[in-house]
Amino acid sequence: MHGPPTPPTPDLTETEFHQLEAHGWLDSDIRVGDRFRHADGANFGPTPSAEAAVWMDWLAAGVADPALSNALRTTAGQARAAVAPKNYARSGIGHVWHPTATLVYGAVADNVGAVRTLGQQLLAQYQGDGVIRYQAPANGPDYSETHWSQEANGLVGEIQRSPVRSEQPVEEITLIPMGCARLRISQFPTIGEGPEAQTWSSLPLPPTASFQNRSDPLSALHDRVEPRSSDDQNIPRFTWWDHRGSREWVQYTFPEPRKFSWVEVYWFDDTSRGGGCRVPAAWKVQWLDGSTWKDVAAAGGKYTTKTNQYNRVTFEPVTTTAIRLDVQLGAGVSGGILEWKYGE
């Protein structure tokens, strides 16, 4: 048996880390005035947080810069003032509530009472066998009538645009509380009929390629992480490194036939860092017709190889179970992809 791996050597000293974290609390988009987000992004709205105040007060004692320490304490005071004392234990921005803020700032009895009341309300939702059963509302969409199915990769895919068309019978579903499950589903599609109803599209099987660098996963091709540039080193990428000047391919395969009429490719190119990956010399889209790969008939746009943007090509629609990018790498260099999109 092997023991635990050797811990990595930190790149920052403790003081440097405290300073970096302090600026994260004070100057990043996590903070909006006296409120804070769970994470950066439009999906996370700013909320009052005594937990943020605790962290900033703690950091204030660890930073070496007196001005930065004062800024942390001032902002912590503002964050704390935005929260009613009885809500200290329920004003965290993390995944789990904890009593740290009320233990530090007081109002313990009030917080114990509030949390006890909330806990009793949550427990009251369970039936005698310890299960919460979904009840369809008298008015409004019935979320139990879904068109979901297990995706080709064995997982539940991202929710698609509603309403979703479904011919499945109504059935009872059991929702497992998030804290007791390894997997959580936070959204359900709504069911609809008529011209606006969408057909649930299956996700592809795991991508395949002619060659793959062990450090650059194929999953990066369609992970929906948007690149900031062709040399974005902060997101996953797929590459054919260290194949140079060769003809390569990468492929999506689907469990059922799908219609395609366009693709977009964001090429990886690390020229600015002196790396060995460049945009390709040439490329084209192919589709599987039975057991034969055929070139698509490009209807709009050329097979461009521009950096720092998506390269889009449209073509006459094809219905197939697999599409492929056939790529000719440049002489003496390799290549890769940051994101590859497709659609009808």
Protein backbone atom coordinates (compact mmCIF):
# COMPACT_ATOMS: atom_id res chain seq x y z
CA MET A 1 0.00 0.00 0.00
CA HIS A 2 1.12 3.54 -0.70
CA GLY A 3 0.96 6.33 1.83
CA PRO A 4 -0.49 9.77 1.14
CA PRO A 5 1.21 11.84 -1.56
CA THR A 6 3.80 14.39 -0.61
CA PRO A 7 2.11 17.75 -0.03
CA PRO A 8 2.97 20.30 -2.71
CA THR A 9 5.36 23.07 -1.86
CA PRO A 10 3.32 26.29 -1.65
CA ASP A 11 4.29 29.08 -4.02
CA LEU A 12 3.32 31.74 -1.48
CA THR A 13 4.44 32.43 2.04
CA GLU A 14 1.78 32.66 4.72
CA THR A 15 2.00 36.43 4.69
CA GLU A 16 1.72 36.57 0.90
CA PHE A 17 -1.28 34.27 0.98
CA HIS A 18 -3.03 36.42 3.59
CA GLN A 19 -2.47 39.51 1.47
CA LEU A 20 -3.80 37.80 -1.67
CA GLU A 21 -6.88 36.49 0.14
CA ALA A 22 -7.52 39.88 1.69
CA HIS A 23 -7.65 41.54 -1.72
CA GLY A 24 -9.98 38.77 -2.86
CA TRP A 25 -12.49 39.68 -0.17
CA LEU A 26 -12.09 43.43 -0.65
CA ASP A 27 -11.52 43.97 -4.37
CA SER A 28 -12.94 41.04 -6.34
CA ASP A 29 -16.46 40.66 -7.73
CA ILE A 30 -17.26 38.45 -4.73
CA ARG A 31 -17.94 41.67 -2.84
CA VAL A 32 -20.75 44.09 -3.70
CA GLY A 33 -20.69 46.86 -1.10
CA ASP A 34 -21.54 45.26 2.25
CA ARG A 35 -22.79 42.04 0.63
CA PHE A 36 -20.97 39.02 -0.75
CA ARG A 37 -21.48 36.32 -3.37
CA HIS A 38 -21.04 32.58 -2.99
CA ALA A 39 -18.90 32.70 -6.16
CA ASP A 40 -18.16 35.06 -9.02
CA GLY A 41 -20.84 35.03 -11.71
CA ALA A 42 -24.26 36.36 -12.56
CA ASN A 43 -25.93 33.27 -11.10
CA PHE A 44 -24.76 34.15 -7.59
CA GLY A 45 -26.44 37.20 -6.13
CA PRO A 46 -24.82 39.17 -3.30
CA THR A 47 -26.30 38.52 0.15
CA PRO A 48 -25.60 39.73 3.70
CA SER A 49 -22.99 37.49 5.32
CA ALA A 50 -21.68 37.45 8.87
CA GLU A 51 -19.43 34.58 7.76
CA ALA A 52 -17.59 37.01 5.45
CA ALA A 53 -17.12 39.36 8.39
CA VAL A 54 -15.51 36.58 10.44
CA TRP A 55 -13.03 35.74 7.70
CA MET A 56 -12.06 39.39 7.18
CA ASP A 57 -11.60 40.01 10.89
CA TRP A 58 -9.39 36.92 11.05
CA LEU A 59 -7.36 38.04 8.03
CA ALA A 60 -6.93 41.53 9.49
CA ALA A 61 -4.76 40.02 12.21
CA GLY A 62 -2.56 38.21 9.69
CA VAL A 63 -1.75 40.81 7.04
CA ALA A 64 1.39 42.88 7.42
CA ASP A 65 0.06 46.04 5.78
CA PRO A 66 -1.68 48.25 8.41
CA ALA A 67 -3.80 49.99 5.76
CA LEU A 68 -5.00 46.65 4.40
CA SER A 69 -5.73 45.43 7.92
CA ASN A 70 -7.83 48.53 8.62
CA ALA A 71 -9.72 48.09 5.33
CA LEU A 72 -10.52 44.50 6.28
CA ARG A 73 -11.81 45.47 9.72
CA THR A 74 -13.90 48.31 8.29
CA THR A 75 -15.45 46.10 5.61
CA ALA A 76 -16.00 43.33 8.15
CA GLY A 77 -17.90 45.79 10.33
CA GLN A 78 -20.08 46.80 7.40
CA ALA A 79 -20.77 43.17 6.52
CA ARG A 80 -21.66 42.33 10.10
CA ALA A 81 -23.97 45.37 10.39
CA ALA A 82 -25.91 44.16 7.34
CA VAL A 83 -26.99 41.01 9.22
CA ALA A 84 -29.51 40.89 12.04
CA PRO A 85 -27.77 39.31 15.07
CA LYS A 86 -30.35 36.52 15.29
CA ASN A 87 -29.34 35.47 11.75
CA TYR A 88 -25.58 35.22 12.25
CA ALA A 89 -25.62 31.42 12.01
CA ARG A 90 -27.73 31.46 8.83
CA SER A 91 -25.92 34.15 6.86
CA GLY A 92 -23.06 32.16 5.40
CA ILE A 93 -22.16 32.19 1.71
CA GLY A 94 -20.66 28.70 1.69
CA HIS A 95 -22.41 25.39 1.13
CA VAL A 96 -22.76 24.62 4.84
CA TRP A 97 -24.02 26.80 7.65
CA HIS A 98 -21.94 26.80 10.80
CA PRO A 99 -22.12 28.68 14.12
CA THR A 100 -18.75 30.45 13.87
CA ALA A 101 -20.20 33.95 13.44
CA THR A 102 -22.52 33.73 16.43
CA LEU A 103 -19.77 32.20 18.58
CA VAL A 104 -17.50 35.14 17.68
CA TYR A 105 -20.02 37.98 17.68
CA GLY A 106 -22.62 36.81 20.19
CA ALA A 107 -26.42 36.40 20.16
CA VAL A 108 -25.96 32.67 20.68
CA ALA A 109 -29.35 32.07 22.32
CA ASP A 110 -31.23 33.89 19.55
CA ASN A 111 -29.39 31.92 16.86
CA VAL A 112 -29.97 28.59 18.56
CA GLY A 113 -33.69 29.33 18.68
CA ALA A 114 -33.84 30.42 15.04
CA VAL A 115 -31.89 27.40 13.79
CA ARG A 116 -33.99 25.04 15.93
CA THR A 117 -37.20 26.45 14.43
CA LEU A 118 -35.85 26.11 10.91
CA GLY A 119 -34.72 22.55 11.57
CA GLN A 120 -38.13 21.59 12.87
CA GLN A 121 -39.75 23.04 9.75
CA LEU A 122 -37.44 21.04 7.50
CA LEU A 123 -38.00 17.81 9.41
CA ALA A 124 -41.77 18.31 9.18
CA GLN A 125 -41.52 17.81 5.40
CA TYR A 126 -40.55 14.15 5.87
CA GLN A 127 -43.18 11.45 5.99
CA GLY A 128 -43.20 8.59 8.46
CA ASP A 129 -40.81 6.44 6.42
CA GLY A 130 -38.23 9.24 6.27
CA VAL A 131 -38.96 10.20 2.65
CA ILE A 132 -40.06 13.47 1.06
CA ARG A 133 -42.41 12.63 -1.80
CA TYR A 134 -42.99 15.09 -4.57
CA GLN A 135 -46.54 16.39 -4.82
CA ALA A 136 -47.66 17.86 -8.13
CA PRO A 137 -49.16 21.34 -7.64
CA ALA A 138 -52.85 21.90 -8.29
CA ASN A 139 -51.94 24.78 -10.60
CA GLY A 140 -48.74 24.96 -12.58
CA PRO A 141 -46.35 22.54 -14.31
CA ASP A 142 -45.91 19.00 -13.02
CA TYR A 143 -42.16 18.50 -12.71
CA SER A 144 -42.47 14.73 -12.39
CA GLU A 145 -43.33 14.46 -16.09
CA THR A 146 -39.80 14.77 -17.44
CA HIS A 147 -38.21 13.62 -20.64
CA TRP A 148 -34.91 12.84 -18.94
CA SER A 149 -32.97 9.71 -19.63
CA GLN A 150 -29.53 8.53 -18.68
CA GLU A 151 -26.98 10.12 -20.97
CA ALA A 152 -24.44 8.18 -22.97
CA ASN A 153 -21.77 8.95 -20.38
CA GLY A 154 -23.87 7.41 -17.61
CA LEU A 155 -24.69 10.73 -15.98
CA VAL A 156 -27.56 13.21 -16.01
CA GLY A 157 -26.78 16.00 -18.44
CA GLU A 158 -27.24 19.72 -18.04
CA ILE A 159 -30.80 20.98 -18.15
CA GLN A 160 -31.93 22.06 -21.60
CA ARG A 161 -34.31 24.81 -22.59
CA SER A 162 -37.89 24.38 -21.40
CA PRO A 163 -40.62 23.54 -22.11
CA VAL A 164 -39.68 19.96 -22.99
CA ARG A 165 -41.93 17.65 -24.98
CA SER A 166 -42.70 14.34 -23.26
CA GLU A 167 -44.85 11.32 -24.02
CA GLN A 168 -43.82 9.50 -20.87
CA PRO A 169 -46.44 8.44 -18.30
CA VAL A 170 -46.78 10.23 -15.00
CA GLU A 171 -44.75 8.52 -12.30
CA GLU A 172 -43.81 9.14 -8.69
CA ILE A 173 -40.27 10.27 -8.02
CA THR A 174 -38.40 10.38 -4.72
CA LEU A 175 -36.12 13.32 -4.04
CA ILE A 176 -33.10 12.54 -1.85
CA PRO A 177 -32.01 15.44 0.40
CA MET A 178 -28.84 17.03 -0.92
CA GLY A 179 -26.85 16.41 2.24
CA CYS A 180 -27.46 12.66 1.99
CA ALA A 181 -26.53 12.22 -1.67
CA ARG A 182 -23.31 12.14 -3.67
CA LEU A 183 -25.07 13.72 -6.64
CA ARG A 184 -27.47 16.61 -6.62
CA ILE A 185 -29.97 17.72 -9.26
CA SER A 186 -30.89 21.33 -8.69
CA GLN A 187 -33.22 21.96 -11.63
CA PHE A 188 -36.01 20.15 -13.44
CA PRO A 189 -37.32 21.00 -16.92
CA THR A 190 -40.91 22.06 -17.37
CA ILE A 191 -43.20 20.02 -19.61
CA GLY A 192 -45.05 21.61 -22.49
CA GLU A 193 -46.89 20.97 -25.72
CA GLY A 194 -47.24 22.76 -29.01
CA PRO A 195 -44.65 24.46 -31.22
CA GLU A 196 -42.59 25.82 -28.33
CA ALA A 197 -41.94 22.39 -26.80
CA GLN A 198 -38.38 21.15 -27.32
CA THR A 199 -37.11 17.63 -27.87
CA TRP A 200 -34.56 16.57 -25.26
CA SER A 201 -31.27 16.06 -27.11
CA SER A 202 -28.91 13.32 -25.97
CA LEU A 203 -25.32 14.16 -25.09
CA PRO A 204 -22.45 12.56 -26.99
CA LEU A 205 -20.51 9.56 -25.82
CA PRO A 206 -17.05 10.40 -24.49
CA PRO A 207 -15.10 11.98 -27.38
CA THR A 208 -12.43 10.02 -29.22
CA ALA A 209 -9.34 11.13 -31.09
CA SER A 210 -6.54 9.85 -33.28
CA PHE A 211 -4.13 10.74 -30.47
CA GLN A 212 -4.34 12.45 -27.10
CA ASN A 213 -1.73 13.94 -24.83
CA ARG A 214 -2.15 12.29 -21.44
CA SER A 215 -2.23 15.65 -19.66
CA ASP A 216 -4.86 17.22 -21.92
CA PRO A 217 -8.28 15.55 -21.49
CA LEU A 218 -10.76 14.97 -24.27
CA SER A 219 -13.49 16.19 -21.92
CA ALA A 220 -12.15 19.72 -22.43
CA LEU A 221 -13.64 19.74 -25.92
CA HIS A 222 -17.18 20.27 -24.68
CA ASP A 223 -16.93 21.27 -21.02
CA ARG A 224 -18.69 24.62 -21.68
CA VAL A 225 -15.81 26.56 -20.16
CA GLU A 226 -15.40 29.61 -22.37
CA PRO A 227 -11.82 30.51 -23.38
CA ARG A 228 -10.54 34.03 -22.92
CA SER A 229 -7.90 33.58 -25.58
CA SER A 230 -6.31 30.85 -27.68
CA ASP A 231 -3.50 30.71 -25.13
CA ASP A 232 -5.78 30.47 -22.08
CA GLN A 233 -3.74 28.49 -19.57
CA ASN A 234 -6.39 28.58 -16.86
CA ILE A 235 -8.89 26.16 -18.41
CA PRO A 236 -8.66 22.55 -19.59
CA ARG A 237 -7.55 21.95 -23.18
CA PHE A 238 -7.25 19.02 -25.56
CA THR A 239 -4.08 18.63 -27.65
CA TRP A 240 -2.44 16.18 -30.04
CA TRP A 241 0.95 17.02 -28.50
CA ASP A 242 3.60 15.84 -29.27
CA HIS A 243 2.47 14.79 -32.75
CA ARG A 244 3.82 17.35 -35.22
CA GLY A 245 2.85 18.01 -38.82
CA SER A 246 0.57 14.97 -38.91
CA ARG A 247 -3.01 14.45 -39.96
CA GLU A 248 -5.24 13.96 -36.90
CA TRP A 249 -8.91 13.80 -35.99
CA VAL A 250 -11.27 14.22 -33.06
CA GLN A 251 -14.81 12.86 -32.94
CA TYR A 252 -18.19 13.11 -31.22
CA THR A 253 -20.40 10.00 -31.28
CA PHE A 254 -24.07 9.92 -30.26
CA PRO A 255 -26.29 7.04 -29.12
CA GLU A 256 -29.01 8.17 -31.56
CA PRO A 257 -28.95 10.03 -34.90
CA ARG A 258 -28.85 13.81 -34.60
CA LYS A 259 -29.10 16.66 -37.06
CA PHE A 260 -26.14 19.01 -37.55
CA SER A 261 -25.68 22.12 -39.68
CA TRP A 262 -22.83 24.04 -38.02
CA VAL A 263 -19.76 23.72 -35.83
CA GLU A 264 -17.56 26.22 -34.00
CA VAL A 265 -13.98 25.51 -32.99
CA TYR A 266 -11.79 27.54 -30.63
CA TRP A 267 -8.21 26.53 -31.47
CA PHE A 268 -5.47 26.29 -28.87
CA ASP A 269 -2.30 28.20 -29.78
CA ASP A 270 0.52 28.87 -27.32
CA THR A 271 2.77 30.85 -29.66
CA SER A 272 3.03 33.70 -27.17
CA ARG A 273 4.61 31.36 -24.62
CA GLY A 274 6.97 29.71 -27.05
CA GLY A 275 5.02 26.44 -26.95
CA GLY A 276 4.69 23.89 -29.71
CA CYS A 277 0.96 24.16 -30.49
CA ARG A 278 -0.41 26.28 -33.34
CA VAL A 279 -3.67 26.62 -35.23
CA PRO A 280 -3.84 23.90 -37.89
CA ALA A 281 -2.74 24.25 -41.49
CA ALA A 282 -6.15 23.01 -42.60
CA TRP A 283 -9.27 21.31 -41.26
CA LYS A 284 -12.69 20.10 -42.32
CA VAL A 285 -15.88 18.61 -40.87
CA GLN A 286 -16.90 15.05 -41.69
CA TRP A 287 -20.01 13.02 -40.90
CA LEU A 288 -20.56 9.29 -40.68
CA ASP A 289 -22.82 7.90 -43.41
CA GLY A 290 -23.33 4.27 -42.49
CA SER A 291 -19.73 3.12 -42.16
CA THR A 292 -18.23 5.80 -44.45
CA TRP A 293 -16.86 9.17 -43.44
CA LYS A 294 -17.94 11.95 -45.80
CA ASP A 295 -17.04 15.63 -46.00
CA VAL A 296 -19.92 17.99 -45.25
CA ALA A 297 -21.02 20.38 -47.98
CA ALA A 298 -20.02 23.74 -46.55
CA ALA A 299 -22.82 26.22 -47.10
CA GLY A 300 -21.44 29.29 -45.38
CA GLY A 301 -18.11 30.48 -44.06
CA LYS A 302 -14.69 29.07 -44.72
CA TYR A 303 -12.56 26.75 -42.63
CA THR A 304 -10.81 29.59 -40.84
CA THR A 305 -7.98 29.21 -38.33
CA LYS A 306 -8.18 32.50 -36.44
CA THR A 307 -6.89 32.81 -32.90
CA ASN A 308 -8.74 34.25 -29.89
CA GLN A 309 -12.18 33.52 -31.31
CA TYR A 310 -14.46 30.73 -32.47
CA ASN A 311 -14.07 29.58 -36.05
CA ARG A 312 -17.59 28.85 -37.33
CA VAL A 313 -18.58 26.94 -40.44
CA THR A 314 -22.12 26.15 -41.56
CA PHE A 315 -23.03 23.35 -43.94
CA GLU A 316 -25.97 21.57 -45.50
CA PRO A 317 -27.75 19.69 -42.68
CA VAL A 318 -26.78 16.08 -42.08
CA THR A 319 -28.34 13.50 -39.79
CA THR A 320 -25.81 11.11 -38.31
CA THR A 321 -24.57 9.38 -35.18
CA ALA A 322 -21.06 10.83 -35.42
CA ILE A 323 -19.24 13.95 -36.57
CA ARG A 324 -15.51 14.49 -36.82
CA LEU A 325 -12.94 17.21 -37.30
CA ASP A 326 -10.28 16.12 -39.78
CA VAL A 327 -7.21 18.24 -39.01
CA GLN A 328 -3.88 18.74 -40.76
CA LEU A 329 -1.30 20.02 -38.29
CA GLY A 330 1.20 22.62 -39.41
CA ALA A 331 4.70 21.61 -40.43
CA GLY A 332 6.86 20.95 -37.37
CA VAL A 333 4.15 21.91 -34.86
CA SER A 334 1.30 20.30 -32.99
CA GLY A 335 -2.17 21.62 -32.20
CA GLY A 336 -5.16 21.49 -29.91
CA ILE A 337 -8.69 22.65 -29.15
CA LEU A 338 -10.13 24.60 -26.22
CA GLU A 339 -13.80 24.18 -27.15
CA TRP A 340 -15.77 22.54 -29.96
CA LYS A 341 -19.47 23.34 -30.32
CA TYR A 342 -22.10 21.98 -32.71
CA GLY A 343 -25.77 22.43 -33.47
CA GLU A 344 -28.69 22.08 -35.81
